[in-house]
Amino acid sequence: MFGDLMGMMGKLKETQQKVDDTKKRLDTVLIDEASSDGLLKITLTANRKIKTIEIADSLLEDKEQLEDYLILTLNKAIEKATNVNETEIAAVAKEGMPNIPGMDMFK
C-alpha cells in the first residue's frame, strides 16, 4: 500500500514539474491577433503577456476609436491565448495523473 502511495506521490511530483516546464514553454508560444481591417496588431504569449502592439497612424487621431480597437483586439487575443494555455496544461496534467479510483477529473 505504501509503495503505491509513494509511487503516486512521485508521479504527482513529476507531473507538477512537467506542468511547470509547459508554463515556461508557453512564454515562447506567440499568439497574433489583428483588428478586422488590420489597423491594430497585437502579439502576446500563450501565458497572456503582451509582447507587441502595432497601431496604424490613422487610429492615433481618434482616442475613442483606438480604445475600442484595443479592447476588442486584446480580448480576442487573450481568448486565443487562454485556449492554447488551458489545452496545453490540461494535456500535460491528464497525461501525468496517477489512476486513482473515483478521481476521474479529466474526462
PDB file of N, CA and C in Angstrom:
ATOM      1  N   MET A   1       0.824  -1.193   0.000  1.00  0.00           N
ATOM      2  CA  MET A   1       0.000   0.000   0.000  1.00  0.00           C
ATOM      3  C   MET A   1       0.867   1.257   0.000  1.00  0.00           C
ATOM      4  N   PHE A   2       1.896   1.310   0.881  1.00  0.00           N
ATOM      5  CA  PHE A   2       2.739   2.487   0.935  1.00  0.00           C
ATOM      6  C   PHE A   2       3.559   2.640  -0.341  1.00  0.00           C
ATOM      7  N   GLY A   3       3.906   1.507  -0.936  1.00  0.00           N
ATOM      8  CA  GLY A   3       4.630   1.570  -2.203  1.00  0.00           C
ATOM      9  C   GLY A   3       3.790   2.243  -3.268  1.00  0.00           C
ATOM     10  N   ASP A   4       2.503   1.892  -3.314  1.00  0.00           N
ATOM     11  CA  ASP A   4       1.598   2.529  -4.276  1.00  0.00           C
ATOM     12  C   ASP A   4       1.480   4.018  -3.997  1.00  0.00           C
ATOM     13  N   LEU A   5       1.360   4.367  -2.715  1.00  0.00           N
ATOM     14  CA  LEU A   5       1.231   5.762  -2.326  1.00  0.00           C
ATOM     15  C   LEU A   5       2.491   6.541  -2.694  1.00  0.00           C
ATOM     16  N   MET A   6       3.632   5.965  -2.437  1.00  0.00           N
ATOM     17  CA  MET A   6       4.898   6.623  -2.775  1.00  0.00           C
ATOM     18  C   MET A   6       5.033   6.762  -4.290  1.00  0.00           C
ATOM     19  N   GLY A   7       4.598   5.740  -5.003  1.00  0.00           N
ATOM     20  CA  GLY A   7       4.631   5.809  -6.464  1.00  0.00           C
ATOM     21  C   GLY A   7       3.737   6.910  -6.987  1.00  0.00           C
ATOM     22  N   MET A   8       2.540   7.037  -6.404  1.00  0.00           N
ATOM     23  CA  MET A   8       1.612   8.091  -6.815  1.00  0.00           C
ATOM     24  C   MET A   8       2.181   9.471  -6.489  1.00  0.00           C
ATOM     25  N   MET A   9       2.793   9.610  -5.330  1.00  0.00           N
ATOM     26  CA  MET A   9       3.380  10.899  -4.947  1.00  0.00           C
ATOM     27  C   MET A   9       4.510  11.274  -5.906  1.00  0.00           C
ATOM     28  N   GLY A  10       5.313  10.304  -6.280  1.00  0.00           N
ATOM     29  CA  GLY A  10       6.378  10.550  -7.243  1.00  0.00           C
ATOM     30  C   GLY A  10       5.818  10.971  -8.587  1.00  0.00           C
ATOM     31  N   LYS A  11       4.762  10.285  -8.990  1.00  0.00           N
ATOM     32  CA  LYS A  11       4.121  10.608 -10.268  1.00  0.00           C
ATOM     33  C   LYS A  11       3.532  12.019 -10.235  1.00  0.00           C
ATOM     34  N   LEU A  12       2.921  12.392  -9.119  1.00  0.00           N
ATOM     35  CA  LEU A  12       2.358  13.737  -8.980  1.00  0.00           C
ATOM     36  C   LEU A  12       3.455  14.804  -9.033  1.00  0.00           C
ATOM     37  N   LYS A  13       4.584  14.527  -8.379  1.00  0.00           N
ATOM     38  CA  LYS A  13       5.705  15.469  -8.393  1.00  0.00           C
ATOM     39  C   LYS A  13       6.256  15.619  -9.813  1.00  0.00           C
ATOM     40  N   GLU A  14       6.373  14.505 -10.499  1.00  0.00           N
ATOM     41  CA  GLU A  14       6.845  14.515 -11.888  1.00  0.00           C
ATOM     42  C   GLU A  14       5.879  15.298 -12.779  1.00  0.00           C
ATOM     43  N   THR A  15       4.588  15.099 -12.558  1.00  0.00           N
ATOM     44  CA  THR A  15       3.577  15.817 -13.334  1.00  0.00           C
ATOM     45  C   THR A  15       3.651  17.312 -13.062  1.00  0.00           C
ATOM     46  N   GLN A  16       3.835  17.700 -11.796  1.00  0.00           N
ATOM     47  CA  GLN A  16       3.960  19.124 -11.462  1.00  0.00           C
ATOM     48  C   GLN A  16       5.151  19.740 -12.173  1.00  0.00           C
ATOM     49  N   GLN A  17       6.257  19.001 -12.258  1.00  0.00           N
ATOM     50  CA  GLN A  17       7.432  19.510 -12.959  1.00  0.00           C
ATOM     51  C   GLN A  17       7.126  19.693 -14.448  1.00  0.00           C
ATOM     52  N   LYS A  18       6.405  18.745 -15.036  1.00  0.00           N
ATOM     53  CA  LYS A  18       6.035  18.856 -16.447  1.00  0.00           C
ATOM     54  C   LYS A  18       5.107  20.046 -16.670  1.00  0.00           C
ATOM     55  N   VAL A  19       4.180  20.278 -15.742  1.00  0.00           N
ATOM     56  CA  VAL A  19       3.285  21.435 -15.853  1.00  0.00           C
ATOM     57  C   VAL A  19       4.108  22.722 -15.787  1.00  0.00           C
ATOM     58  N   ASP A  20       5.046  22.788 -14.843  1.00  0.00           N
ATOM     59  CA  ASP A  20       5.909  23.970 -14.721  1.00  0.00           C
ATOM     60  C   ASP A  20       6.726  24.187 -15.994  1.00  0.00           C
ATOM     61  N   ASP A  21       7.268  23.113 -16.549  1.00  0.00           N
ATOM     62  CA  ASP A  21       8.035  23.209 -17.800  1.00  0.00           C
ATOM     63  C   ASP A  21       7.143  23.694 -18.940  1.00  0.00           C
ATOM     64  N   THR A  22       5.906  23.210 -18.984  1.00  0.00           N
ATOM     65  CA  THR A  22       4.966  23.630 -20.029  1.00  0.00           C
ATOM     66  C   THR A  22       4.655  25.107 -19.891  1.00  0.00           C
ATOM     67  N   LYS A  23       4.456  25.577 -18.672  1.00  0.00           N
ATOM     68  CA  LYS A  23       4.191  27.007 -18.456  1.00  0.00           C
ATOM     69  C   LYS A  23       5.359  27.860 -18.957  1.00  0.00           C
ATOM     70  N   LYS A  24       6.590  27.415 -18.706  1.00  0.00           N
ATOM     71  CA  LYS A  24       7.762  28.146 -19.201  1.00  0.00           C
ATOM     72  C   LYS A  24       7.788  28.144 -20.725  1.00  0.00           C
ATOM     73  N   ARG A  25       7.479  26.990 -21.316  1.00  0.00           N
ATOM     74  CA  ARG A  25       7.473  26.887 -22.782  1.00  0.00           C
ATOM     75  C   ARG A  25       6.419  27.798 -23.379  1.00  0.00           C
ATOM     76  N   LEU A  26       5.284  27.940 -22.706  1.00  0.00           N
ATOM     77  CA  LEU A  26       4.201  28.775 -23.227  1.00  0.00           C
ATOM     78  C   LEU A  26       4.584  30.258 -23.274  1.00  0.00           C
ATOM     79  N   ASP A  27       5.645  30.633 -22.559  1.00  0.00           N
ATOM     80  CA  ASP A  27       6.161  32.003 -22.679  1.00  0.00           C
ATOM     81  C   ASP A  27       6.764  32.252 -24.052  1.00  0.00           C
ATOM     82  N   THR A  28       7.098  31.168 -24.775  1.00  0.00           N
ATOM     83  CA  THR A  28       7.706  31.316 -26.098  1.00  0.00           C
ATOM     84  C   THR A  28       6.697  31.102 -27.230  1.00  0.00           C
ATOM     85  N   VAL A  29       5.470  30.689 -26.888  1.00  0.00           N
ATOM     86  CA  VAL A  29       4.431  30.481 -27.900  1.00  0.00           C
ATOM     87  C   VAL A  29       3.732  31.814 -28.112  1.00  0.00           C
ATOM     88  N   LEU A  30       3.813  32.347 -29.339  1.00  0.00           N
ATOM     89  CA  LEU A  30       3.249  33.657 -29.632  1.00  0.00           C
ATOM     90  C   LEU A  30       1.891  33.537 -30.321  1.00  0.00           C
ATOM     91  N   ILE A  31       0.979  34.382 -29.880  1.00  0.00           N
ATOM     92  CA  ILE A  31      -0.365  34.451 -30.445  1.00  0.00           C
ATOM     93  C   ILE A  31      -0.489  35.817 -31.114  1.00  0.00           C
ATOM     94  N   ASP A  32      -0.831  35.833 -32.397  1.00  0.00           N
ATOM     95  CA  ASP A  32      -1.028  37.079 -33.133  1.00  0.00           C
ATOM     96  C   ASP A  32      -2.508  37.320 -33.345  1.00  0.00           C
ATOM     97  N   GLU A  33      -2.921  38.560 -33.165  1.00  0.00           N
ATOM     98  CA  GLU A  33      -4.313  38.944 -33.416  1.00  0.00           C
ATOM     99  C   GLU A  33      -4.302  40.328 -34.046  1.00  0.00           C
ATOM    100  N   ALA A  34      -5.222  40.555 -34.958  1.00  0.00           N
ATOM    101  CA  ALA A  34      -5.331  41.855 -35.619  1.00  0.00           C
ATOM    102  C   ALA A  34      -6.793  42.251 -35.703  1.00  0.00           C
ATOM    103  N   SER A  35      -7.017  43.555 -35.743  1.00  0.00           N
ATOM    104  CA  SER A  35      -8.379  44.033 -35.968  1.00  0.00           C
ATOM    105  C   SER A  35      -8.805  43.601 -37.362  1.00  0.00           C
ATOM    106  N   SER A  36     -10.094  43.603 -37.607  1.00  0.00           N
ATOM    107  CA  SER A  36     -10.601  43.096 -38.888  1.00  0.00           C
ATOM    108  C   SER A  36     -10.041  43.867 -40.084  1.00  0.00           C
ATOM    109  N   ASP A  37      -9.713  45.133 -39.908  1.00  0.00           N
ATOM    110  CA  ASP A  37      -9.158  45.926 -41.004  1.00  0.00           C
ATOM    111  C   ASP A  37      -7.629  46.026 -40.953  1.00  0.00           C
ATOM    112  N   GLY A  38      -7.015  45.371 -39.978  1.00  0.00           N
ATOM    113  CA  GLY A  38      -5.568  45.331 -39.892  1.00  0.00           C
ATOM    114  C   GLY A  38      -4.910  46.593 -39.347  1.00  0.00           C
ATOM    115  N   LEU A  39      -5.689  47.524 -38.810  1.00  0.00           N
ATOM    116  CA  LEU A  39      -5.115  48.770 -38.309  1.00  0.00           C
ATOM    117  C   LEU A  39      -4.452  48.614 -36.939  1.00  0.00           C
ATOM    118  N   LEU A  40      -4.798  47.544 -36.246  1.00  0.00           N
ATOM    119  CA  LEU A  40      -4.207  47.273 -34.937  1.00  0.00           C
ATOM    120  C   LEU A  40      -3.779  45.813 -34.912  1.00  0.00           C
ATOM    121  N   LYS A  41      -2.522  45.574 -34.524  1.00  0.00           N
ATOM    122  CA  LYS A  41      -1.997  44.207 -34.435  1.00  0.00           C
ATOM    123  C   LYS A  41      -1.382  44.009 -33.055  1.00  0.00           C
ATOM    124  N   ILE A  42      -1.685  42.865 -32.465  1.00  0.00           N
ATOM    125  CA  ILE A  42      -1.202  42.556 -31.118  1.00  0.00           C
ATOM    126  C   ILE A  42      -0.577  41.172 -31.123  1.00  0.00           C
ATOM    127  N   THR A  43       0.540  41.040 -30.428  1.00  0.00           N
ATOM    128  CA  THR A  43       1.170  39.742 -30.215  1.00  0.00           C
ATOM    129  C   THR A  43       1.338  39.557 -28.719  1.00  0.00           C
ATOM    130  N   LEU A  44       0.902  38.393 -28.231  1.00  0.00           N
ATOM    131  CA  LEU A  44       1.122  38.058 -26.833  1.00  0.00           C
ATOM    132  C   LEU A  44       1.502  36.603 -26.722  1.00  0.00           C
ATOM    133  N   THR A  45       2.022  36.232 -25.557  1.00  0.00           N
ATOM    134  CA  THR A  45       2.414  34.842 -25.340  1.00  0.00           C
ATOM    135  C   THR A  45       1.184  34.039 -24.942  1.00  0.00           C
ATOM    136  N   ALA A  46       1.329  32.722 -24.987  1.00  0.00           N
ATOM    137  CA  ALA A  46       0.244  31.852 -24.555  1.00  0.00           C
ATOM    138  C   ALA A  46       0.010  31.968 -23.049  1.00  0.00           C
ATOM    139  N   ASN A  47       0.935  32.605 -22.340  1.00  0.00           N
ATOM    140  CA  ASN A  47       0.738  32.907 -20.924  1.00  0.00           C
ATOM    141  C   ASN A  47       0.125  34.293 -20.735  1.00  0.00           C
ATOM    142  N   ARG A  48      -0.349  34.875 -21.815  1.00  0.00           N
ATOM    143  CA  ARG A  48      -1.105  36.134 -21.814  1.00  0.00           C
ATOM    144  C   ARG A  48      -0.277  37.344 -21.401  1.00  0.00           C
ATOM    145  N   LYS A  49       0.960  37.379 -21.842  1.00  0.00           N
ATOM    146  CA  LYS A  49       1.801  38.555 -21.638  1.00  0.00           C
ATOM    147  C   LYS A  49       1.968  39.254 -22.988  1.00  0.00           C
ATOM    148  N   ILE A  50       1.649  40.543 -23.031  1.00  0.00           N
ATOM    149  CA  ILE A  50       1.711  41.307 -24.278  1.00  0.00           C
ATOM    150  C   ILE A  50       3.165  41.487 -24.686  1.00  0.00           C
ATOM    151  N   LYS A  51       3.461  41.181 -25.943  1.00  0.00           N
ATOM    152  CA  LYS A  51       4.809  41.334 -26.484  1.00  0.00           C
ATOM    153  C   LYS A  51       4.901  42.575 -27.380  1.00  0.00           C
ATOM    154  N   THR A  52       3.930  42.745 -28.286  1.00  0.00           N
ATOM    155  CA  THR A  52       3.957  43.899 -29.187  1.00  0.00           C
ATOM    156  C   THR A  52       2.535  44.394 -29.453  1.00  0.00           C
ATOM    157  N   ILE A  53       2.468  45.696 -29.724  1.00  0.00           N
ATOM    158  CA  ILE A  53       1.230  46.320 -30.199  1.00  0.00           C
ATOM    159  C   ILE A  53       1.636  47.246 -31.340  1.00  0.00           C
ATOM    160  N   GLU A  54       1.021  47.038 -32.497  1.00  0.00           N
ATOM    161  CA  GLU A  54       1.270  47.899 -33.657  1.00  0.00           C
ATOM    162  C   GLU A  54      -0.023  48.656 -33.953  1.00  0.00           C
ATOM    163  N   ILE A  55       0.094  49.991 -34.016  1.00  0.00           N
ATOM    164  CA  ILE A  55      -1.081  50.841 -34.228  1.00  0.00           C
ATOM    165  C   ILE A  55      -0.859  51.663 -35.488  1.00  0.00           C
ATOM    166  N   ALA A  56      -1.820  51.605 -36.391  1.00  0.00           N
ATOM    167  CA  ALA A  56      -1.751  52.416 -37.606  1.00  0.00           C
ATOM    168  C   ALA A  56      -1.892  53.887 -37.223  1.00  0.00           C
ATOM    169  N   ASP A  57      -1.191  54.747 -37.951  1.00  0.00           N
ATOM    170  CA  ASP A  57      -1.222  56.180 -37.663  1.00  0.00           C
ATOM    171  C   ASP A  57      -2.641  56.740 -37.653  1.00  0.00           C
ATOM    172  N   SER A  58      -3.495  56.237 -38.529  1.00  0.00           N
ATOM    173  CA  SER A  58      -4.864  56.767 -38.618  1.00  0.00           C
ATOM    174  C   SER A  58      -5.646  56.569 -37.315  1.00  0.00           C
ATOM    175  N   LEU A  59      -5.314  55.534 -36.545  1.00  0.00           N
ATOM    176  CA  LEU A  59      -6.004  55.304 -35.274  1.00  0.00           C
ATOM    177  C   LEU A  59      -5.569  56.283 -34.187  1.00  0.00           C
ATOM    178  N   LEU A  60      -4.422  56.903 -34.359  1.00  0.00           N
ATOM    179  CA  LEU A  60      -3.921  57.834 -33.351  1.00  0.00           C
ATOM    180  C   LEU A  60      -4.685  59.159 -33.349  1.00  0.00           C
ATOM    181  N   GLU A  61      -5.491  59.375 -34.374  1.00  0.00           N
ATOM    182  CA  GLU A  61      -6.243  60.622 -34.481  1.00  0.00           C
ATOM    183  C   GLU A  61      -7.558  60.593 -33.698  1.00  0.00           C
ATOM    184  N   ASP A  62      -8.013  59.411 -33.304  1.00  0.00           N
ATOM    185  CA  ASP A  62      -9.305  59.286 -32.627  1.00  0.00           C
ATOM    186  C   ASP A  62      -9.138  58.401 -31.398  1.00  0.00           C
ATOM    187  N   LYS A  63      -9.048  59.034 -30.234  1.00  0.00           N
ATOM    188  CA  LYS A  63      -8.794  58.329 -28.974  1.00  0.00           C
ATOM    189  C   LYS A  63      -9.845  57.266 -28.696  1.00  0.00           C
ATOM    190  N   GLU A  64     -11.117  57.599 -28.838  1.00  0.00           N
ATOM    191  CA  GLU A  64     -12.184  56.632 -28.552  1.00  0.00           C
ATOM    192  C   GLU A  64     -12.137  55.438 -29.491  1.00  0.00           C
ATOM    193  N   GLN A  65     -11.873  55.697 -30.766  1.00  0.00           N
ATOM    194  CA  GLN A  65     -11.781  54.595 -31.733  1.00  0.00           C
ATOM    195  C   GLN A  65     -10.603  53.688 -31.373  1.00  0.00           C
ATOM    196  N   LEU A  66      -9.461  54.275 -31.011  1.00  0.00           N
ATOM    197  CA  LEU A  66      -8.288  53.483 -30.628  1.00  0.00           C
ATOM    198  C   LEU A  66      -8.599  52.644 -29.398  1.00  0.00           C
ATOM    199  N   GLU A  67      -9.257  53.221 -28.418  1.00  0.00           N
ATOM    200  CA  GLU A  67      -9.626  52.467 -27.218  1.00  0.00           C
ATOM    201  C   GLU A  67     -10.523  51.282 -27.565  1.00  0.00           C
ATOM    202  N   ASP A  68     -11.511  51.511 -28.438  1.00  0.00           N
ATOM    203  CA  ASP A  68     -12.401  50.426 -28.861  1.00  0.00           C
ATOM    204  C   ASP A  68     -11.618  49.318 -29.565  1.00  0.00           C
ATOM    205  N   TYR A  69     -10.720  49.713 -30.458  1.00  0.00           N
ATOM    206  CA  TYR A  69      -9.899  48.733 -31.166  1.00  0.00           C
ATOM    207  C   TYR A  69      -9.067  47.914 -30.181  1.00  0.00           C
ATOM    208  N   LEU A  70      -8.454  48.608 -29.229  1.00  0.00           N
ATOM    209  CA  LEU A  70      -7.622  47.911 -28.239  1.00  0.00           C
ATOM    210  C   LEU A  70      -8.441  46.910 -27.436  1.00  0.00           C
ATOM    211  N   ILE A  71      -9.591  47.316 -26.966  1.00  0.00           N
ATOM    212  CA  ILE A  71     -10.432  46.420 -26.167  1.00  0.00           C
ATOM    213  C   ILE A  71     -10.835  45.191 -26.980  1.00  0.00           C
ATOM    214  N   LEU A  72     -11.348  45.399 -28.171  1.00  0.00           N
ATOM    215  CA  LEU A  72     -11.811  44.268 -28.992  1.00  0.00           C
ATOM    216  C   LEU A  72     -10.667  43.330 -29.364  1.00  0.00           C
ATOM    217  N   THR A  73      -9.576  43.887 -29.825  1.00  0.00           N
ATOM    218  CA  THR A  73      -8.461  43.064 -30.304  1.00  0.00           C
ATOM    219  C   THR A  73      -7.744  42.370 -29.154  1.00  0.00           C
ATOM    220  N   LEU A  74      -7.534  43.077 -28.049  1.00  0.00           N
ATOM    221  CA  LEU A  74      -6.910  42.444 -26.886  1.00  0.00           C
ATOM    222  C   LEU A  74      -7.775  41.312 -26.351  1.00  0.00           C
ATOM    223  N   ASN A  75      -9.072  41.515 -26.273  1.00  0.00           N
ATOM    224  CA  ASN A  75      -9.957  40.453 -25.774  1.00  0.00           C
ATOM    225  C   ASN A  75      -9.898  39.217 -26.667  1.00  0.00           C
ATOM    226  N   LYS A  76      -9.862  39.411 -27.987  1.00  0.00           N
ATOM    227  CA  LYS A  76      -9.754  38.265 -28.893  1.00  0.00           C
ATOM    228  C   LYS A  76      -8.418  37.559 -28.709  1.00  0.00           C
ATOM    229  N   ALA A  77      -7.347  38.324 -28.582  1.00  0.00           N
ATOM    230  CA  ALA A  77      -6.019  37.729 -28.408  1.00  0.00           C
ATOM    231  C   ALA A  77      -5.927  36.975 -27.081  1.00  0.00           C
ATOM    232  N   ILE A  78      -6.456  37.558 -26.023  1.00  0.00           N
ATOM    233  CA  ILE A  78      -6.428  36.907 -24.707  1.00  0.00           C
ATOM    234  C   ILE A  78      -7.240  35.621 -24.729  1.00  0.00           C
ATOM    235  N   GLU A  79      -8.372  35.637 -25.410  1.00  0.00           N
ATOM    236  CA  GLU A  79      -9.193  34.419 -25.502  1.00  0.00           C
ATOM    237  C   GLU A  79      -8.425  33.304 -26.223  1.00  0.00           C
ATOM    238  N   LYS A  80      -7.773  33.642 -27.333  1.00  0.00           N
ATOM    239  CA  LYS A  80      -6.979  32.647 -28.067  1.00  0.00           C
ATOM    240  C   LYS A  80      -5.848  32.097 -27.188  1.00  0.00           C
ATOM    241  N   ALA A  81      -5.132  33.004 -26.519  1.00  0.00           N
ATOM    242  CA  ALA A  81      -4.011  32.592 -25.678  1.00  0.00           C
ATOM    243  C   ALA A  81      -4.489  31.711 -24.523  1.00  0.00           C
ATOM    244  N   THR A  82      -5.620  32.053 -23.941  1.00  0.00           N
ATOM    245  CA  THR A  82      -6.175  31.268 -22.839  1.00  0.00           C
ATOM    246  C   THR A  82      -6.522  29.868 -23.314  1.00  0.00           C
ATOM    247  N   ASN A  83      -7.113  29.757 -24.493  1.00  0.00           N
ATOM    248  CA  ASN A  83      -7.456  28.437 -25.028  1.00  0.00           C
ATOM    249  C   ASN A  83      -6.211  27.583 -25.242  1.00  0.00           C
ATOM    250  N   VAL A  84      -5.163  28.172 -25.810  1.00  0.00           N
ATOM    251  CA  VAL A  84      -3.907  27.430 -26.018  1.00  0.00           C
ATOM    252  C   VAL A  84      -3.326  27.022 -24.666  1.00  0.00           C
ATOM    253  N   ASN A  85      -3.275  27.960 -23.732  1.00  0.00           N
ATOM    254  CA  ASN A  85      -2.701  27.709 -22.408  1.00  0.00           C
ATOM    255  C   ASN A  85      -3.437  26.584 -21.705  1.00  0.00           C
ATOM    256  N   GLU A  86      -4.749  26.682 -21.621  1.00  0.00           N
ATOM    257  CA  GLU A  86      -5.528  25.674 -20.896  1.00  0.00           C
ATOM    258  C   GLU A  86      -5.446  24.304 -21.550  1.00  0.00           C
ATOM    259  N   THR A  87      -5.436  24.263 -22.874  1.00  0.00           N
ATOM    260  CA  THR A  87      -5.341  22.989 -23.587  1.00  0.00           C
ATOM    261  C   THR A  87      -4.000  22.313 -23.308  1.00  0.00           C
ATOM    262  N   GLU A  88      -2.925  23.092 -23.370  1.00  0.00           N
ATOM    263  CA  GLU A  88      -1.583  22.542 -23.148  1.00  0.00           C
ATOM    264  C   GLU A  88      -1.416  22.053 -21.707  1.00  0.00           C
ATOM    265  N   ILE A  89      -1.819  22.862 -20.748  1.00  0.00           N
ATOM    266  CA  ILE A  89      -1.659  22.494 -19.338  1.00  0.00           C
ATOM    267  C   ILE A  89      -2.514  21.262 -19.010  1.00  0.00           C
ATOM    268  N   ALA A  90      -3.752  21.245 -19.500  1.00  0.00           N
ATOM    269  CA  ALA A  90      -4.638  20.111 -19.232  1.00  0.00           C
ATOM    270  C   ALA A  90      -4.084  18.822 -19.820  1.00  0.00           C
ATOM    271  N   ALA A  91      -3.503  18.898 -21.016  1.00  0.00           N
ATOM    272  CA  ALA A  91      -2.948  17.697 -21.652  1.00  0.00           C
ATOM    273  C   ALA A  91      -1.797  17.134 -20.820  1.00  0.00           C
ATOM    274  N   VAL A  92      -0.924  17.997 -20.332  1.00  0.00           N
ATOM    275  CA  VAL A  92       0.208  17.537 -19.521  1.00  0.00           C
ATOM    276  C   VAL A  92      -0.291  16.978 -18.201  1.00  0.00           C
ATOM    277  N   ALA A  93      -1.233  17.664 -17.570  1.00  0.00           N
ATOM    278  CA  ALA A  93      -1.747  17.212 -16.272  1.00  0.00           C
ATOM    279  C   ALA A  93      -2.469  15.872 -16.405  1.00  0.00           C
ATOM    280  N   LYS A  94      -3.273  15.732 -17.444  1.00  0.00           N
ATOM    281  CA  LYS A  94      -4.021  14.488 -17.632  1.00  0.00           C
ATOM    282  C   LYS A  94      -3.074  13.317 -17.874  1.00  0.00           C
ATOM    283  N   GLU A  95      -2.061  13.557 -18.695  1.00  0.00           N
ATOM    284  CA  GLU A  95      -1.091  12.509 -19.036  1.00  0.00           C
ATOM    285  C   GLU A  95      -0.369  12.002 -17.793  1.00  0.00           C
ATOM    286  N   GLY A  96      -0.087  12.892 -16.845  1.00  0.00           N
ATOM    287  CA  GLY A  96       0.718  12.508 -15.706  1.00  0.00           C
ATOM    288  C   GLY A  96      -0.044  12.115 -14.459  1.00  0.00           C
ATOM    289  N   MET A  97      -1.357  12.197 -14.489  1.00  0.00           N
ATOM    290  CA  MET A  97      -2.118  11.876 -13.287  1.00  0.00           C
ATOM    291  C   MET A  97      -2.133  10.374 -13.042  1.00  0.00           C
ATOM    292  N   PRO A  98      -1.878   9.975 -11.800  1.00  0.00           N
ATOM    293  CA  PRO A  98      -1.971   8.543 -11.486  1.00  0.00           C
ATOM    294  C   PRO A  98      -3.435   8.103 -11.531  1.00  0.00           C
ATOM    295  N   ASN A  99      -3.645   6.849 -11.778  1.00  0.00           N
ATOM    296  CA  ASN A  99      -5.001   6.316 -11.848  1.00  0.00           C
ATOM    297  C   ASN A  99      -5.508   6.040 -10.439  1.00  0.00           C
ATOM    298  N   ILE A 100      -6.283   6.982  -9.912  1.00  0.00           N
ATOM    299  CA  ILE A 100      -6.837   6.850  -8.569  1.00  0.00           C
ATOM    300  C   ILE A 100      -8.328   6.569  -8.723  1.00  0.00           C
ATOM    301  N   PRO A 101      -8.810   5.444  -8.248  1.00  0.00           N
ATOM    302  CA  PRO A 101     -10.229   5.132  -8.394  1.00  0.00           C
ATOM    303  C   PRO A 101     -11.118   6.241  -7.824  1.00  0.00           C
ATOM    304  N   GLY A 102     -12.130   6.607  -8.610  1.00  0.00           N
ATOM    305  CA  GLY A 102     -13.065   7.632  -8.178  1.00  0.00           C
ATOM    306  C   GLY A 102     -12.585   9.055  -8.427  1.00  0.00           C
ATOM    307  N   MET A 103     -11.410   9.222  -9.009  1.00  0.00           N
ATOM    308  CA  MET A 103     -10.857  10.565  -9.251  1.00  0.00           C
ATOM    309  C   MET A 103     -10.725  10.800 -10.748  1.00  0.00           C
ATOM    310  N   ASP A 104     -11.809  10.727 -11.471  1.00  0.00           N
ATOM    311  CA  ASP A 104     -11.803  10.918 -12.919  1.00  0.00           C
ATOM    312  C   ASP A 104     -12.034  12.394 -13.228  1.00  0.00           C
ATOM    313  N   MET A 105     -11.064  13.241 -12.890  1.00  0.00           N
ATOM    314  CA  MET A 105     -11.211  14.687 -13.052  1.00  0.00           C
ATOM    315  C   MET A 105     -11.103  15.148 -14.488  1.00  0.00           C
ATOM    316  N   PHE A 106     -10.359  14.451 -15.292  1.00  0.00           N
ATOM    317  CA  PHE A 106     -10.039  14.952 -16.625  1.00  0.00           C
ATOM    318  C   PHE A 106     -10.709  14.145 -17.725  1.00  0.00           C
ATOM    319  N   LYS A 107     -11.979  13.890 -17.587  1.00  0.00           N
ATOM    320  CA  LYS A 107     -12.677  13.145 -18.641  1.00  0.00           C
ATOM    321  C   LYS A 107     -13.233  14.082 -19.654  1.00  0.00           C
TER     322      LYS A 107
END
